């Protein structure tokens, strides 16, 4: 499936929150992705170009050290 070129509004909200949490914790894309997903997925999510499935949200939340509900809260 080709990646989006225009951000999805909801994915962008989640992505901005993920990016803010990642930067606040001083983590890299690689650290958040771990070994479970590609760092490109994290980057695409942060830019709203990837609408994440539950697995991706869980991996990113775990990488950030937060719950999935914290990651999507307020979005």
PDB file of N, CA and C in Angstrom:
ATOM      1  N   UNK A   1       0.845  -1.175   0.000  1.00  0.00           N
ATOM      2  CA  UNK A   1       0.000   0.000   0.000  1.00  0.00           C
ATOM      3  C   UNK A   1       0.890   1.237   0.000  1.00  0.00           C
ATOM      4  N   UNK A   2       0.667   2.173  -0.913  1.00  0.00           N
ATOM      5  CA  UNK A   2       1.494   3.376  -0.959  1.00  0.00           C
ATOM      6  C   UNK A   2       1.232   4.278   0.244  1.00  0.00           C
ATOM      7  N   UNK A   3       2.246   4.979   0.632  1.00  0.00           N
ATOM      8  CA  UNK A   3       2.107   5.922   1.745  1.00  0.00           C
ATOM      9  C   UNK A   3       1.340   7.150   1.287  1.00  0.00           C
ATOM     10  N   UNK A   4       0.712   7.786   2.212  1.00  0.00           N
ATOM     11  CA  UNK A   4      -0.014   9.030   1.933  1.00  0.00           C
ATOM     12  C   UNK A   4       0.977  10.137   1.594  1.00  0.00           C
ATOM     13  N   UNK A   5       0.500  11.094   0.836  1.00  0.00           N
ATOM     14  CA  UNK A   5       1.309  12.290   0.581  1.00  0.00           C
ATOM     15  C   UNK A   5       0.697  13.497   1.289  1.00  0.00           C
ATOM     16  N   UNK A   6      -0.571  13.356   1.663  1.00  0.00           N
ATOM     17  CA  UNK A   6      -1.272  14.398   2.409  1.00  0.00           C
ATOM     18  C   UNK A   6      -1.604  13.819   3.780  1.00  0.00           C
ATOM     19  N   UNK A   7      -1.253  14.525   4.854  1.00  0.00           N
ATOM     20  CA  UNK A   7      -1.500  13.986   6.196  1.00  0.00           C
ATOM     21  C   UNK A   7      -2.981  13.721   6.472  1.00  0.00           C
ATOM     22  N   UNK A   8      -3.243  12.610   7.156  1.00  0.00           N
ATOM     23  CA  UNK A   8      -4.572  12.307   7.670  1.00  0.00           C
ATOM     24  C   UNK A   8      -4.748  13.131   8.940  1.00  0.00           C
ATOM     25  N   UNK A   9      -5.838  13.891   9.081  1.00  0.00           N
ATOM     26  CA  UNK A   9      -5.986  14.795  10.234  1.00  0.00           C
ATOM     27  C   UNK A   9      -5.876  14.108  11.599  1.00  0.00           C
ATOM     28  N   UNK A  10      -6.538  12.979  11.775  1.00  0.00           N
ATOM     29  CA  UNK A  10      -6.476  12.289  13.071  1.00  0.00           C
ATOM     30  C   UNK A  10      -5.096  11.687  13.306  1.00  0.00           C
ATOM     31  N   UNK A  11      -4.536  11.062  12.286  1.00  0.00           N
ATOM     32  CA  UNK A  11      -3.190  10.494  12.417  1.00  0.00           C
ATOM     33  C   UNK A  11      -2.182  11.584  12.734  1.00  0.00           C
ATOM     34  N   UNK A  12      -2.364  12.776  12.165  1.00  0.00           N
ATOM     35  CA  UNK A  12      -1.444  13.880  12.431  1.00  0.00           C
ATOM     36  C   UNK A  12      -1.518  14.315  13.889  1.00  0.00           C
ATOM     37  N   UNK A  13      -2.719  14.332  14.458  1.00  0.00           N
ATOM     38  CA  UNK A  13      -2.855  14.689  15.885  1.00  0.00           C
ATOM     39  C   UNK A  13      -2.112  13.684  16.762  1.00  0.00           C
ATOM     40  N   UNK A  14      -2.309  12.399  16.476  1.00  0.00           N
ATOM     41  CA  UNK A  14      -1.613  11.353  17.237  1.00  0.00           C
ATOM     42  C   UNK A  14      -0.110  11.475  17.012  1.00  0.00           C
ATOM     43  N   UNK A  15       0.276  11.711  15.775  1.00  0.00           N
ATOM     44  CA  UNK A  15       1.691  11.841  15.435  1.00  0.00           C
ATOM     45  C   UNK A  15       2.370  13.004  16.134  1.00  0.00           C
ATOM     46  N   UNK A  16       1.684  14.134  16.188  1.00  0.00           N
ATOM     47  CA  UNK A  16       2.263  15.295  16.881  1.00  0.00           C
ATOM     48  C   UNK A  16       2.429  15.011  18.367  1.00  0.00           C
ATOM     49  N   UNK A  17       1.461  14.308  18.932  1.00  0.00           N
ATOM     50  CA  UNK A  17       1.573  13.953  20.355  1.00  0.00           C
ATOM     51  C   UNK A  17       2.732  12.985  20.563  1.00  0.00           C
ATOM     52  N   UNK A  18       2.864  11.998  19.685  1.00  0.00           N
ATOM     53  CA  UNK A  18       3.969  11.044  19.790  1.00  0.00           C
ATOM     54  C   UNK A  18       5.309  11.761  19.665  1.00  0.00           C
ATOM     55  N   UNK A  19       5.402  12.680  18.714  1.00  0.00           N
ATOM     56  CA  UNK A  19       6.653  13.420  18.515  1.00  0.00           C
ATOM     57  C   UNK A  19       6.983  14.261  19.742  1.00  0.00           C
ATOM     58  N   UNK A  20       5.980  14.908  20.314  1.00  0.00           N
ATOM     59  CA  UNK A  20       6.210  15.733  21.506  1.00  0.00           C
ATOM     60  C   UNK A  20       6.690  14.871  22.674  1.00  0.00           C
ATOM     61  N   UNK A  21       6.057  13.717  22.863  1.00  0.00           N
ATOM     62  CA  UNK A  21       6.474  12.813  23.940  1.00  0.00           C
ATOM     63  C   UNK A  21       7.890  12.305  23.691  1.00  0.00           C
ATOM     64  N   UNK A  22       8.179  11.938  22.454  1.00  0.00           N
ATOM     65  CA  UNK A  22       9.509  11.417  22.113  1.00  0.00           C
ATOM     66  C   UNK A  22      10.577  12.470  22.364  1.00  0.00           C
ATOM     67  N   UNK A  23      10.323  13.687  21.908  1.00  0.00           N
ATOM     68  CA  UNK A  23      11.309  14.755  22.089  1.00  0.00           C
ATOM     69  C   UNK A  23      11.476  15.123  23.562  1.00  0.00           C
ATOM     70  N   UNK A  24      10.383  15.141  24.309  1.00  0.00           N
ATOM     71  CA  UNK A  24      10.454  15.455  25.741  1.00  0.00           C
ATOM     72  C   UNK A  24      11.287  14.422  26.500  1.00  0.00           C
ATOM     73  N   UNK A  25      11.264  13.185  26.030  1.00  0.00           N
ATOM     74  CA  UNK A  25      12.027  12.122  26.685  1.00  0.00           C
ATOM     75  C   UNK A  25      13.421  11.960  26.097  1.00  0.00           C
ATOM     76  N   UNK A  26      13.716  12.739  25.059  1.00  0.00           N
ATOM     77  CA  UNK A  26      15.041  12.679  24.445  1.00  0.00           C
ATOM     78  C   UNK A  26      15.303  11.375  23.698  1.00  0.00           C
ATOM     79  N   UNK A  27      14.249  10.798  23.125  1.00  0.00           N
ATOM     80  CA  UNK A  27      14.382   9.527  22.424  1.00  0.00           C
ATOM     81  C   UNK A  27      14.519   9.740  20.919  1.00  0.00           C
ATOM     82  N   UNK A  28      15.168   8.804  20.261  1.00  0.00           N
ATOM     83  CA  UNK A  28      15.289   8.831  18.810  1.00  0.00           C
ATOM     84  C   UNK A  28      14.159   8.011  18.195  1.00  0.00           C
ATOM     85  N   UNK A  29      13.980   8.162  16.894  1.00  0.00           N
ATOM     86  CA  UNK A  29      13.001   7.338  16.187  1.00  0.00           C
ATOM     87  C   UNK A  29      13.325   5.858  16.357  1.00  0.00           C
ATOM     88  N   UNK A  30      14.617   5.533  16.293  1.00  0.00           N
ATOM     89  CA  UNK A  30      15.053   4.144  16.436  1.00  0.00           C
ATOM     90  C   UNK A  30      14.699   3.582  17.803  1.00  0.00           C
ATOM     91  N   UNK A  31      14.871   4.385  18.832  1.00  0.00           N
ATOM     92  CA  UNK A  31      14.574   3.916  20.184  1.00  0.00           C
ATOM     93  C   UNK A  31      13.081   3.660  20.358  1.00  0.00           C
ATOM     94  N   UNK A  32      12.261   4.502  19.789  1.00  0.00           N
ATOM     95  CA  UNK A  32      10.817   4.309  19.901  1.00  0.00           C
ATOM     96  C   UNK A  32      10.374   3.092  19.105  1.00  0.00           C
ATOM     97  N   UNK A  33      10.914   2.926  17.923  1.00  0.00           N
ATOM     98  CA  UNK A  33      10.539   1.794  17.069  1.00  0.00           C
ATOM     99  C   UNK A  33      11.009   0.465  17.639  1.00  0.00           C
ATOM    100  N   UNK A  34      12.152   0.473  18.289  1.00  0.00           N
ATOM    101  CA  UNK A  34      12.704  -0.772  18.808  1.00  0.00           C
ATOM    102  C   UNK A  34      12.994  -1.743  17.682  1.00  0.00           C
ATOM    103  N   UNK A  35      12.750  -2.993  17.940  1.00  0.00           N
ATOM    104  CA  UNK A  35      12.998  -4.021  16.918  1.00  0.00           C
ATOM    105  C   UNK A  35      11.692  -4.504  16.285  1.00  0.00           C
ATOM    106  N   UNK A  36      10.588  -3.930  16.691  1.00  0.00           N
ATOM    107  CA  UNK A  36       9.281  -4.432  16.256  1.00  0.00           C
ATOM    108  C   UNK A  36       8.759  -3.763  14.984  1.00  0.00           C
ATOM    109  N   UNK A  37       9.106  -2.498  14.752  1.00  0.00           N
ATOM    110  CA  UNK A  37       8.687  -1.808  13.539  1.00  0.00           C
ATOM    111  C   UNK A  37       9.854  -0.985  13.017  1.00  0.00           C
ATOM    112  N   UNK A  38       9.735  -0.535  11.801  1.00  0.00           N
ATOM    113  CA  UNK A  38      10.772   0.266  11.174  1.00  0.00           C
ATOM    114  C   UNK A  38      10.676   1.710  11.666  1.00  0.00           C
ATOM    115  N   UNK A  39      11.818   2.366  11.820  1.00  0.00           N
ATOM    116  CA  UNK A  39      11.801   3.759  12.274  1.00  0.00           C
ATOM    117  C   UNK A  39      11.027   4.648  11.297  1.00  0.00           C
ATOM    118  N   UNK A  40      10.954   4.232  10.030  1.00  0.00           N
ATOM    119  CA  UNK A  40      10.180   4.965   9.037  1.00  0.00           C
ATOM    120  C   UNK A  40       8.698   5.009   9.372  1.00  0.00           C
ATOM    121  N   UNK A  41       8.203   3.948  10.024  1.00  0.00           N
ATOM    122  CA  UNK A  41       6.809   3.942  10.467  1.00  0.00           C
ATOM    123  C   UNK A  41       6.584   5.039  11.499  1.00  0.00           C
ATOM    124  N   UNK A  42       7.509   5.160  12.433  1.00  0.00           N
ATOM    125  CA  UNK A  42       7.384   6.178  13.474  1.00  0.00           C
ATOM    126  C   UNK A  42       7.435   7.564  12.838  1.00  0.00           C
ATOM    127  N   UNK A  43       8.371   7.773  11.941  1.00  0.00           N
ATOM    128  CA  UNK A  43       8.503   9.050  11.257  1.00  0.00           C
ATOM    129  C   UNK A  43       7.239   9.382  10.467  1.00  0.00           C
ATOM    130  N   UNK A  44       6.723   8.407   9.725  1.00  0.00           N
ATOM    131  CA  UNK A  44       5.507   8.631   8.936  1.00  0.00           C
ATOM    132  C   UNK A  44       4.314   8.926   9.831  1.00  0.00           C
ATOM    133  N   UNK A  45       4.220   8.237  10.959  1.00  0.00           N
ATOM    134  CA  UNK A  45       3.134   8.495  11.901  1.00  0.00           C
ATOM    135  C   UNK A  45       3.233   9.916  12.452  1.00  0.00           C
ATOM    136  N   UNK A  46       4.427  10.325  12.835  1.00  0.00           N
ATOM    137  CA  UNK A  46       4.605  11.664  13.395  1.00  0.00           C
ATOM    138  C   UNK A  46       4.205  12.755  12.403  1.00  0.00           C
ATOM    139  N   UNK A  47       4.306  12.458  11.128  1.00  0.00           N
ATOM    140  CA  UNK A  47       3.943  13.432  10.098  1.00  0.00           C
ATOM    141  C   UNK A  47       2.523  13.244   9.586  1.00  0.00           C
ATOM    142  N   UNK A  48       1.779  12.292  10.164  1.00  0.00           N
ATOM    143  CA  UNK A  48       0.395  12.061   9.777  1.00  0.00           C
ATOM    144  C   UNK A  48       0.240  11.327   8.465  1.00  0.00           C
ATOM    145  N   UNK A  49       1.322  10.745   7.975  1.00  0.00           N
ATOM    146  CA  UNK A  49       1.288  10.062   6.687  1.00  0.00           C
ATOM    147  C   UNK A  49       0.998   8.577   6.814  1.00  0.00           C
ATOM    148  N   UNK A  50       0.852   8.100   8.023  1.00  0.00           N
ATOM    149  CA  UNK A  50       0.547   6.694   8.290  1.00  0.00           C
ATOM    150  C   UNK A  50      -0.599   6.647   9.286  1.00  0.00           C
ATOM    151  N   UNK A  51      -1.671   5.985   8.912  1.00  0.00           N
ATOM    152  CA  UNK A  51      -2.765   5.761   9.847  1.00  0.00           C
ATOM    153  C   UNK A  51      -2.432   4.447  10.544  1.00  0.00           C
ATOM    154  N   UNK A  52      -2.072   4.514  11.832  1.00  0.00           N
ATOM    155  CA  UNK A  52      -1.557   3.325  12.510  1.00  0.00           C
ATOM    156  C   UNK A  52      -2.643   2.309  12.851  1.00  0.00           C
ATOM    157  N   UNK A  53      -2.241   1.038  12.831  1.00  0.00           N
ATOM    158  CA  UNK A  53      -3.130  -0.006  13.340  1.00  0.00           C
ATOM    159  C   UNK A  53      -2.827  -0.166  14.833  1.00  0.00           C
ATOM    160  N   UNK A  54      -3.550  -1.039  15.487  1.00  0.00           N
ATOM    161  CA  UNK A  54      -3.371  -1.215  16.933  1.00  0.00           C
ATOM    162  C   UNK A  54      -1.970  -1.691  17.289  1.00  0.00           C
ATOM    163  N   UNK A  55      -1.415  -2.577  16.484  1.00  0.00           N
ATOM    164  CA  UNK A  55      -0.062  -3.077  16.749  1.00  0.00           C
ATOM    165  C   UNK A  55       0.947  -1.924  16.732  1.00  0.00           C
ATOM    166  N   UNK A  56       0.862  -1.082  15.724  1.00  0.00           N
ATOM    167  CA  UNK A  56       1.791   0.042  15.614  1.00  0.00           C
ATOM    168  C   UNK A  56       1.618   1.004  16.778  1.00  0.00           C
ATOM    169  N   UNK A  57       0.379   1.309  17.150  1.00  0.00           N
ATOM    170  CA  UNK A  57       0.147   2.184  18.306  1.00  0.00           C
ATOM    171  C   UNK A  57       0.744   1.593  19.574  1.00  0.00           C
ATOM    172  N   UNK A  58       0.594   0.287  19.756  1.00  0.00           N
ATOM    173  CA  UNK A  58       1.127  -0.379  20.956  1.00  0.00           C
ATOM    174  C   UNK A  58       2.646  -0.324  20.981  1.00  0.00           C
ATOM    175  N   UNK A  59       3.280  -0.583  19.849  1.00  0.00           N
ATOM    176  CA  UNK A  59       4.743  -0.542  19.785  1.00  0.00           C
ATOM    177  C   UNK A  59       5.245   0.870  20.086  1.00  0.00           C
ATOM    178  N   UNK A  60       4.607   1.868  19.508  1.00  0.00           N
ATOM    179  CA  UNK A  60       5.036   3.248  19.731  1.00  0.00           C
ATOM    180  C   UNK A  60       4.787   3.664  21.180  1.00  0.00           C
ATOM    181  N   UNK A  61       3.624   3.323  21.706  1.00  0.00           N
ATOM    182  CA  UNK A  61       3.337   3.644  23.105  1.00  0.00           C
ATOM    183  C   UNK A  61       4.354   2.978  24.036  1.00  0.00           C
ATOM    184  N   UNK A  62       4.648   1.711  23.800  1.00  0.00           N
ATOM    185  CA  UNK A  62       5.637   1.006  24.613  1.00  0.00           C
ATOM    186  C   UNK A  62       7.008   1.672  24.489  1.00  0.00           C
ATOM    187  N   UNK A  63       7.378   2.032  23.271  1.00  0.00           N
ATOM    188  CA  UNK A  63       8.665   2.690  23.053  1.00  0.00           C
ATOM    189  C   UNK A  63       8.768   4.033  23.754  1.00  0.00           C
ATOM    190  N   UNK A  64       7.617   4.691  23.908  1.00  0.00           N
ATOM    191  CA  UNK A  64       7.591   5.981  24.597  1.00  0.00           C
ATOM    192  C   UNK A  64       7.415   5.829  26.107  1.00  0.00           C
ATOM    193  N   UNK A  65       7.106   4.617  26.540  1.00  0.00           N
ATOM    194  CA  UNK A  65       6.892   4.375  27.969  1.00  0.00           C
ATOM    195  C   UNK A  65       5.566   4.910  28.470  1.00  0.00           C
ATOM    196  N   UNK A  66       4.545   4.926  27.585  1.00  0.00           N
ATOM    197  CA  UNK A  66       3.219   5.375  27.965  1.00  0.00           C
ATOM    198  C   UNK A  66       2.202   4.323  27.541  1.00  0.00           C
ATOM    199  N   UNK A  67       0.980   4.469  28.014  1.00  0.00           N
ATOM    200  CA  UNK A  67      -0.091   3.572  27.581  1.00  0.00           C
ATOM    201  C   UNK A  67      -0.622   4.039  26.235  1.00  0.00           C
ATOM    202  N   UNK A  68      -1.302   3.136  25.543  1.00  0.00           N
ATOM    203  CA  UNK A  68      -1.923   3.515  24.277  1.00  0.00           C
ATOM    204  C   UNK A  68      -2.947   4.618  24.496  1.00  0.00           C
ATOM    205  N   UNK A  69      -3.691   4.536  25.592  1.00  0.00           N
ATOM    206  CA  UNK A  69      -4.699   5.569  25.848  1.00  0.00           C
ATOM    207  C   UNK A  69      -4.066   6.931  26.079  1.00  0.00           C
ATOM    208  N   UNK A  70      -2.887   6.965  26.715  1.00  0.00           N
ATOM    209  CA  UNK A  70      -2.173   8.231  26.900  1.00  0.00           C
ATOM    210  C   UNK A  70      -1.725   8.796  25.550  1.00  0.00           C
ATOM    211  N   UNK A  71      -1.320   7.911  24.656  1.00  0.00           N
ATOM    212  CA  UNK A  71      -0.847   8.335  23.341  1.00  0.00           C
ATOM    213  C   UNK A  71      -1.965   8.981  22.531  1.00  0.00           C
ATOM    214  N   UNK A  72      -3.187   8.477  22.633  1.00  0.00           N
ATOM    215  CA  UNK A  72      -4.271   9.002  21.824  1.00  0.00           C
ATOM    216  C   UNK A  72      -5.188   9.957  22.589  1.00  0.00           C
ATOM    217  N   UNK A  73      -4.944  10.129  23.874  1.00  0.00           N
ATOM    218  CA  UNK A  73      -5.769  10.995  24.700  1.00  0.00           C
ATOM    219  C   UNK A  73      -5.828  12.415  24.142  1.00  0.00           C
ATOM    220  N   UNK A  74      -7.020  12.942  23.996  1.00  0.00           N
ATOM    221  CA  UNK A  74      -7.196  14.299  23.515  1.00  0.00           C
ATOM    222  C   UNK A  74      -7.123  14.463  22.007  1.00  0.00           C
ATOM    223  N   UNK A  75      -6.938  13.367  21.312  1.00  0.00           N
ATOM    224  CA  UNK A  75      -6.850  13.456  19.852  1.00  0.00           C
ATOM    225  C   UNK A  75      -8.226  13.281  19.263  1.00  0.00           C
TER     226      UNK A  75
END
